[in-house]
Amino acid sequence: MKKFWLWVKSLFTTRYKVTVSFNKEWGDSDDRTYITKKIIVQKEKHLKFRNEDGKIVEYRSSAGLNYIIEDYEYGDDL
């Protein structure tokens, strides 16, 4: 029953897959990937969002951030 409810709810909510890299190289061991409910702040040097657990995640950098934001659909691999 819970799976059915999550499926119905997922039809009406948008989720994002956010990948943050701490250097200029994509795909190495320092990259972090999150599934987010809401992007709160998206600027060149500041990124703040709420993850699926409801926790706020925030990244700041004076030199600029390297991140990718993509639409996420349930069932996609991380």
PDB file of N, CA and C in Angstrom:
ATOM      1  N   MET A   1       0.820  -1.191   0.000  1.00  0.00           N
ATOM      2  CA  MET A   1       0.000   0.000   0.000  1.00  0.00           C
ATOM      3  C   MET A   1       0.870   1.263   0.000  1.00  0.00           C
ATOM      4  N   LYS A   2       1.967   1.219   0.769  1.00  0.00           N
ATOM      5  CA  LYS A   2       2.855   2.376   0.829  1.00  0.00           C
ATOM      6  C   LYS A   2       3.516   2.628  -0.529  1.00  0.00           C
ATOM      7  N   LYS A   3       3.888   1.541  -1.222  1.00  0.00           N
ATOM      8  CA  LYS A   3       4.498   1.685  -2.542  1.00  0.00           C
ATOM      9  C   LYS A   3       3.532   2.353  -3.520  1.00  0.00           C
ATOM     10  N   PHE A   4       2.278   1.956  -3.438  1.00  0.00           N
ATOM     11  CA  PHE A   4       1.266   2.548  -4.310  1.00  0.00           C
ATOM     12  C   PHE A   4       1.120   4.034  -4.029  1.00  0.00           C
ATOM     13  N   TRP A   5       1.078   4.413  -2.752  1.00  0.00           N
ATOM     14  CA  TRP A   5       0.946   5.822  -2.376  1.00  0.00           C
ATOM     15  C   TRP A   5       2.145   6.628  -2.871  1.00  0.00           C
ATOM     16  N   LEU A   6       3.350   6.081  -2.724  1.00  0.00           N
ATOM     17  CA  LEU A   6       4.549   6.784  -3.207  1.00  0.00           C
ATOM     18  C   LEU A   6       4.509   6.946  -4.724  1.00  0.00           C
ATOM     19  N   TRP A   7       3.994   5.940  -5.419  1.00  0.00           N
ATOM     20  CA  TRP A   7       3.895   6.033  -6.872  1.00  0.00           C
ATOM     21  C   TRP A   7       2.924   7.141  -7.274  1.00  0.00           C
ATOM     22  N   VAL A   8       1.753   7.188  -6.620  1.00  0.00           N
ATOM     23  CA  VAL A   8       0.758   8.231  -6.931  1.00  0.00           C
ATOM     24  C   VAL A   8       1.335   9.604  -6.614  1.00  0.00           C
ATOM     25  N   LYS A   9       1.983   9.732  -5.481  1.00  0.00           N
ATOM     26  CA  LYS A   9       2.579  11.012  -5.082  1.00  0.00           C
ATOM     27  C   LYS A   9       3.681  11.432  -6.058  1.00  0.00           C
ATOM     28  N   SER A  10       4.440  10.464  -6.561  1.00  0.00           N
ATOM     29  CA  SER A  10       5.539  10.793  -7.473  1.00  0.00           C
ATOM     30  C   SER A  10       5.046  11.344  -8.804  1.00  0.00           C
ATOM     31  N   LEU A  11       3.808  11.066  -9.156  1.00  0.00           N
ATOM     32  CA  LEU A  11       3.254  11.603 -10.403  1.00  0.00           C
ATOM     33  C   LEU A  11       3.086  13.116 -10.355  1.00  0.00           C
ATOM     34  N   PHE A  12       2.991  13.674  -9.149  1.00  0.00           N
ATOM     35  CA  PHE A  12       2.709  15.092  -9.000  1.00  0.00           C
ATOM     36  C   PHE A  12       3.868  15.902  -8.419  1.00  0.00           C
ATOM     37  N   THR A  13       4.957  15.261  -8.058  1.00  0.00           N
ATOM     38  CA  THR A  13       6.095  15.983  -7.496  1.00  0.00           C
ATOM     39  C   THR A  13       7.304  15.868  -8.413  1.00  0.00           C
ATOM     40  N   THR A  14       8.082  16.910  -8.451  1.00  0.00           N
ATOM     41  CA  THR A  14       9.307  16.924  -9.242  1.00  0.00           C
ATOM     42  C   THR A  14      10.489  16.682  -8.316  1.00  0.00           C
ATOM     43  N   ARG A  15      11.329  15.767  -8.696  1.00  0.00           N
ATOM     44  CA  ARG A  15      12.563  15.489  -7.951  1.00  0.00           C
ATOM     45  C   ARG A  15      13.730  15.832  -8.865  1.00  0.00           C
ATOM     46  N   TYR A  16      14.837  16.189  -8.242  1.00  0.00           N
ATOM     47  CA  TYR A  16      16.041  16.537  -8.983  1.00  0.00           C
ATOM     48  C   TYR A  16      17.200  15.678  -8.514  1.00  0.00           C
ATOM     49  N   LYS A  17      18.069  15.361  -9.429  1.00  0.00           N
ATOM     50  CA  LYS A  17      19.315  14.662  -9.103  1.00  0.00           C
ATOM     51  C   LYS A  17      20.421  15.705  -9.170  1.00  0.00           C
ATOM     52  N   VAL A  18      21.052  15.984  -8.030  1.00  0.00           N
ATOM     53  CA  VAL A  18      22.100  16.994  -7.946  1.00  0.00           C
ATOM     54  C   VAL A  18      23.430  16.284  -7.739  1.00  0.00           C
ATOM     55  N   THR A  19      24.372  16.545  -8.622  1.00  0.00           N
ATOM     56  CA  THR A  19      25.721  16.003  -8.493  1.00  0.00           C
ATOM     57  C   THR A  19      26.665  17.166  -8.253  1.00  0.00           C
ATOM     58  N   VAL A  20      27.411  17.105  -7.144  1.00  0.00           N
ATOM     59  CA  VAL A  20      28.341  18.159  -6.760  1.00  0.00           C
ATOM     60  C   VAL A  20      29.751  17.599  -6.846  1.00  0.00           C
ATOM     61  N   SER A  21      30.630  18.305  -7.541  1.00  0.00           N
ATOM     62  CA  SER A  21      32.033  17.916  -7.639  1.00  0.00           C
ATOM     63  C   SER A  21      32.873  18.965  -6.922  1.00  0.00           C
ATOM     64  N   PHE A  22      33.837  18.497  -6.160  1.00  0.00           N
ATOM     65  CA  PHE A  22      34.663  19.413  -5.379  1.00  0.00           C
ATOM     66  C   PHE A  22      35.943  19.810  -6.117  1.00  0.00           C
ATOM     67  N   ASN A  23      36.121  19.315  -7.311  1.00  0.00           N
ATOM     68  CA  ASN A  23      37.220  19.763  -8.173  1.00  0.00           C
ATOM     69  C   ASN A  23      36.689  19.828  -9.605  1.00  0.00           C
ATOM     70  N   LYS A  24      37.546  20.037 -10.563  1.00  0.00           N
ATOM     71  CA  LYS A  24      37.111  20.206 -11.952  1.00  0.00           C
ATOM     72  C   LYS A  24      36.850  18.883 -12.667  1.00  0.00           C
ATOM     73  N   GLU A  25      37.208  17.741 -12.049  1.00  0.00           N
ATOM     74  CA  GLU A  25      37.060  16.437 -12.678  1.00  0.00           C
ATOM     75  C   GLU A  25      35.727  15.802 -12.294  1.00  0.00           C
ATOM     76  N   TRP A  26      34.934  15.410 -13.297  1.00  0.00           N
ATOM     77  CA  TRP A  26      33.663  14.733 -13.035  1.00  0.00           C
ATOM     78  C   TRP A  26      33.888  13.235 -13.038  1.00  0.00           C
ATOM     79  N   GLY A  27      33.199  12.535 -12.138  1.00  0.00           N
ATOM     80  CA  GLY A  27      33.250  11.079 -12.126  1.00  0.00           C
ATOM     81  C   GLY A  27      34.307  10.484 -11.226  1.00  0.00           C
ATOM     82  N   ASP A  28      35.066  11.296 -10.499  1.00  0.00           N
ATOM     83  CA  ASP A  28      36.053  10.728  -9.593  1.00  0.00           C
ATOM     84  C   ASP A  28      35.437  10.535  -8.205  1.00  0.00           C
ATOM     85  N   SER A  29      36.253  10.158  -7.241  1.00  0.00           N
ATOM     86  CA  SER A  29      35.737   9.727  -5.934  1.00  0.00           C
ATOM     87  C   SER A  29      35.189  10.857  -5.064  1.00  0.00           C
ATOM     88  N   ASP A  30      35.470  12.107  -5.384  1.00  0.00           N
ATOM     89  CA  ASP A  30      34.989  13.194  -4.518  1.00  0.00           C
ATOM     90  C   ASP A  30      33.592  13.698  -4.895  1.00  0.00           C
ATOM     91  N   ASP A  31      33.003  13.212  -5.973  1.00  0.00           N
ATOM     92  CA  ASP A  31      31.667  13.641  -6.385  1.00  0.00           C
ATOM     93  C   ASP A  31      30.610  13.082  -5.433  1.00  0.00           C
ATOM     94  N   ARG A  32      29.596  13.890  -5.159  1.00  0.00           N
ATOM     95  CA  ARG A  32      28.469  13.447  -4.333  1.00  0.00           C
ATOM     96  C   ARG A  32      27.184  13.664  -5.102  1.00  0.00           C
ATOM     97  N   THR A  33      26.278  12.699  -4.996  1.00  0.00           N
ATOM     98  CA  THR A  33      25.005  12.762  -5.698  1.00  0.00           C
ATOM     99  C   THR A  33      23.874  12.717  -4.684  1.00  0.00           C
ATOM    100  N   TYR A  34      22.893  13.586  -4.864  1.00  0.00           N
ATOM    101  CA  TYR A  34      21.746  13.681  -3.976  1.00  0.00           C
ATOM    102  C   TYR A  34      20.472  13.658  -4.806  1.00  0.00           C
ATOM    103  N   ILE A  35      19.400  13.131  -4.219  1.00  0.00           N
ATOM    104  CA  ILE A  35      18.064  13.259  -4.785  1.00  0.00           C
ATOM    105  C   ILE A  35      17.364  14.310  -3.940  1.00  0.00           C
ATOM    106  N   THR A  36      16.869  15.361  -4.574  1.00  0.00           N
ATOM    107  CA  THR A  36      16.335  16.500  -3.834  1.00  0.00           C
ATOM    108  C   THR A  36      14.859  16.717  -4.121  1.00  0.00           C
ATOM    109  N   LYS A  37      14.198  17.275  -3.119  1.00  0.00           N
ATOM    110  CA  LYS A  37      12.798  17.668  -3.257  1.00  0.00           C
ATOM    111  C   LYS A  37      12.687  19.082  -3.801  1.00  0.00           C
ATOM    112  N   LYS A  38      13.562  19.953  -3.297  1.00  0.00           N
ATOM    113  CA  LYS A  38      13.423  21.371  -3.618  1.00  0.00           C
ATOM    114  C   LYS A  38      14.790  22.031  -3.640  1.00  0.00           C
ATOM    115  N   ILE A  39      15.029  22.854  -4.648  1.00  0.00           N
ATOM    116  CA  ILE A  39      16.243  23.664  -4.728  1.00  0.00           C
ATOM    117  C   ILE A  39      15.892  25.023  -4.121  1.00  0.00           C
ATOM    118  N   ILE A  40      16.582  25.400  -3.067  1.00  0.00           N
ATOM    119  CA  ILE A  40      16.274  26.646  -2.358  1.00  0.00           C
ATOM    120  C   ILE A  40      17.075  27.806  -2.938  1.00  0.00           C
ATOM    121  N   VAL A  41      18.405  27.639  -3.078  1.00  0.00           N
ATOM    122  CA  VAL A  41      19.275  28.675  -3.643  1.00  0.00           C
ATOM    123  C   VAL A  41      20.164  28.017  -4.696  1.00  0.00           C
ATOM    124  N   GLN A  42      20.206  28.615  -5.884  1.00  0.00           N
ATOM    125  CA  GLN A  42      21.056  28.121  -6.957  1.00  0.00           C
ATOM    126  C   GLN A  42      21.775  29.305  -7.582  1.00  0.00           C
ATOM    127  N   LYS A  43      22.999  29.536  -7.129  1.00  0.00           N
ATOM    128  CA  LYS A  43      23.820  30.615  -7.666  1.00  0.00           C
ATOM    129  C   LYS A  43      25.188  30.053  -8.013  1.00  0.00           C
ATOM    130  N   GLU A  44      26.022  30.882  -8.597  1.00  0.00           N
ATOM    131  CA  GLU A  44      27.339  30.429  -9.021  1.00  0.00           C
ATOM    132  C   GLU A  44      28.195  29.953  -7.849  1.00  0.00           C
ATOM    133  N   LYS A  45      28.105  30.630  -6.713  1.00  0.00           N
ATOM    134  CA  LYS A  45      28.957  30.313  -5.572  1.00  0.00           C
ATOM    135  C   LYS A  45      28.191  29.760  -4.368  1.00  0.00           C
ATOM    136  N   HIS A  46      26.896  29.483  -4.540  1.00  0.00           N
ATOM    137  CA  HIS A  46      26.077  29.034  -3.418  1.00  0.00           C
ATOM    138  C   HIS A  46      24.999  28.084  -3.931  1.00  0.00           C
ATOM    139  N   LEU A  47      24.900  26.911  -3.304  1.00  0.00           N
ATOM    140  CA  LEU A  47      23.880  25.933  -3.649  1.00  0.00           C
ATOM    141  C   LEU A  47      23.261  25.412  -2.354  1.00  0.00           C
ATOM    142  N   LYS A  48      21.939  25.488  -2.265  1.00  0.00           N
ATOM    143  CA  LYS A  48      21.236  25.047  -1.063  1.00  0.00           C
ATOM    144  C   LYS A  48      19.965  24.332  -1.508  1.00  0.00           C
ATOM    145  N   PHE A  49      19.760  23.134  -0.947  1.00  0.00           N
ATOM    146  CA  PHE A  49      18.595  22.346  -1.329  1.00  0.00           C
ATOM    147  C   PHE A  49      18.153  21.457  -0.182  1.00  0.00           C
ATOM    148  N   ARG A  50      16.939  20.916  -0.312  1.00  0.00           N
ATOM    149  CA  ARG A  50      16.373  19.998   0.676  1.00  0.00           C
ATOM    150  C   ARG A  50      16.383  18.599   0.057  1.00  0.00           C
ATOM    151  N   ASN A  51      17.025  17.639   0.758  1.00  0.00           N
ATOM    152  CA  ASN A  51      17.103  16.289   0.212  1.00  0.00           C
ATOM    153  C   ASN A  51      15.826  15.513   0.500  1.00  0.00           C
ATOM    154  N   GLU A  52      15.771  14.253   0.093  1.00  0.00           N
ATOM    155  CA  GLU A  52      14.556  13.457   0.250  1.00  0.00           C
ATOM    156  C   GLU A  52      14.201  13.192   1.698  1.00  0.00           C
ATOM    157  N   ASP A  53      15.183  13.237   2.589  1.00  0.00           N
ATOM    158  CA  ASP A  53      14.926  13.018   4.009  1.00  0.00           C
ATOM    159  C   ASP A  53      14.452  14.289   4.710  1.00  0.00           C
ATOM    160  N   GLY A  54      14.392  15.400   3.986  1.00  0.00           N
ATOM    161  CA  GLY A  54      13.944  16.660   4.555  1.00  0.00           C
ATOM    162  C   GLY A  54      15.067  17.498   5.152  1.00  0.00           C
ATOM    163  N   LYS A  55      16.302  17.026   5.059  1.00  0.00           N
ATOM    164  CA  LYS A  55      17.441  17.778   5.599  1.00  0.00           C
ATOM    165  C   LYS A  55      17.920  18.798   4.585  1.00  0.00           C
ATOM    166  N   ILE A  56      18.358  19.948   5.082  1.00  0.00           N
ATOM    167  CA  ILE A  56      18.877  20.993   4.205  1.00  0.00           C
ATOM    168  C   ILE A  56      20.374  20.775   4.007  1.00  0.00           C
ATOM    169  N   VAL A  57      20.789  20.750   2.746  1.00  0.00           N
ATOM    170  CA  VAL A  57      22.198  20.593   2.377  1.00  0.00           C
ATOM    171  C   VAL A  57      22.622  21.889   1.715  1.00  0.00           C
ATOM    172  N   GLU A  58      23.789  22.411   2.143  1.00  0.00           N
ATOM    173  CA  GLU A  58      24.251  23.706   1.637  1.00  0.00           C
ATOM    174  C   GLU A  58      25.730  23.627   1.292  1.00  0.00           C
ATOM    175  N   TYR A  59      26.079  24.125   0.122  1.00  0.00           N
ATOM    176  CA  TYR A  59      27.470  24.221  -0.319  1.00  0.00           C
ATOM    177  C   TYR A  59      27.757  25.662  -0.701  1.00  0.00           C
ATOM    178  N   ARG A  60      28.910  26.166  -0.251  1.00  0.00           N
ATOM    179  CA  ARG A  60      29.380  27.504  -0.615  1.00  0.00           C
ATOM    180  C   ARG A  60      30.842  27.410  -1.021  1.00  0.00           C
ATOM    181  N   SER A  61      31.230  28.262  -1.947  1.00  0.00           N
ATOM    182  CA  SER A  61      32.619  28.300  -2.388  1.00  0.00           C
ATOM    183  C   SER A  61      32.925  29.691  -2.923  1.00  0.00           C
ATOM    184  N   SER A  62      34.056  30.235  -2.533  1.00  0.00           N
ATOM    185  CA  SER A  62      34.429  31.558  -3.031  1.00  0.00           C
ATOM    186  C   SER A  62      34.926  31.492  -4.467  1.00  0.00           C
ATOM    187  N   ALA A  63      35.392  30.312  -4.892  1.00  0.00           N
ATOM    188  CA  ALA A  63      35.914  30.160  -6.247  1.00  0.00           C
ATOM    189  C   ALA A  63      34.861  29.671  -7.233  1.00  0.00           C
ATOM    190  N   GLY A  64      33.662  29.398  -6.762  1.00  0.00           N
ATOM    191  CA  GLY A  64      32.616  28.879  -7.640  1.00  0.00           C
ATOM    192  C   GLY A  64      32.423  27.385  -7.419  1.00  0.00           C
ATOM    193  N   LEU A  65      31.223  26.917  -7.678  1.00  0.00           N
ATOM    194  CA  LEU A  65      30.881  25.511  -7.476  1.00  0.00           C
ATOM    195  C   LEU A  65      30.773  24.787  -8.805  1.00  0.00           C
ATOM    196  N   ASN A  66      31.033  23.494  -8.768  1.00  0.00           N
ATOM    197  CA  ASN A  66      30.827  22.631  -9.929  1.00  0.00           C
ATOM    198  C   ASN A  66      29.681  21.690  -9.590  1.00  0.00           C
ATOM    199  N   TYR A  67      28.528  21.894 -10.209  1.00  0.00           N
ATOM    200  CA  TYR A  67      27.389  21.022  -9.938  1.00  0.00           C
ATOM    201  C   TYR A  67      26.530  20.877 -11.182  1.00  0.00           C
ATOM    202  N   ILE A  68      25.800  19.767 -11.208  1.00  0.00           N
ATOM    203  CA  ILE A  68      24.859  19.472 -12.288  1.00  0.00           C
ATOM    204  C   ILE A  68      23.508  19.171 -11.649  1.00  0.00           C
ATOM    205  N   ILE A  69      22.449  19.775 -12.161  1.00  0.00           N
ATOM    206  CA  ILE A  69      21.097  19.510 -11.687  1.00  0.00           C
ATOM    207  C   ILE A  69      20.308  18.917 -12.847  1.00  0.00           C
ATOM    208  N   GLU A  70      19.740  17.719 -12.605  1.00  0.00           N
ATOM    209  CA  GLU A  70      18.970  17.022 -13.632  1.00  0.00           C
ATOM    210  C   GLU A  70      17.615  16.636 -13.063  1.00  0.00           C
ATOM    211  N   ASP A  71      16.614  16.503 -13.924  1.00  0.00           N
ATOM    212  CA  ASP A  71      15.329  15.953 -13.495  1.00  0.00           C
ATOM    213  C   ASP A  71      15.542  14.489 -13.139  1.00  0.00           C
ATOM    214  N   TYR A  72      14.850  14.023 -12.102  1.00  0.00           N
ATOM    215  CA  TYR A  72      14.985  12.652 -11.642  1.00  0.00           C
ATOM    216  C   TYR A  72      13.618  11.996 -11.653  1.00  0.00           C
ATOM    217  N   GLU A  73      13.574  10.774 -12.150  1.00  0.00           N
ATOM    218  CA  GLU A  73      12.356   9.992 -12.112  1.00  0.00           C
ATOM    219  C   GLU A  73      12.631   8.736 -11.314  1.00  0.00           C
ATOM    220  N   TYR A  74      11.670   8.341 -10.498  1.00  0.00           N
ATOM    221  CA  TYR A  74      11.843   7.147  -9.679  1.00  0.00           C
ATOM    222  C   TYR A  74      12.191   5.959 -10.551  1.00  0.00           C
ATOM    223  N   GLY A  75      13.138   5.186 -10.091  1.00  0.00           N
ATOM    224  CA  GLY A  75      13.585   4.043 -10.855  1.00  0.00           C
ATOM    225  C   GLY A  75      14.895   4.305 -11.574  1.00  0.00           C
ATOM    226  N   ASP A  76      15.261   5.571 -11.756  1.00  0.00           N
ATOM    227  CA  ASP A  76      16.556   5.877 -12.357  1.00  0.00           C
ATOM    228  C   ASP A  76      17.667   5.482 -11.402  1.00  0.00           C
ATOM    229  N   ASP A  77      18.765   5.023 -11.949  1.00  0.00           N
ATOM    230  CA  ASP A  77      19.904   4.650 -11.099  1.00  0.00           C
ATOM    231  C   ASP A  77      20.643   5.882 -10.649  1.00  0.00           C
ATOM    232  N   LEU A  78      21.244   5.807  -9.439  1.00  0.00           N
ATOM    233  CA  LEU A  78      22.085   6.897  -8.950  1.00  0.00           C
ATOM    234  C   LEU A  78      23.424   6.751  -9.509  1.00  0.00           C
TER     235      LEU A  78
END
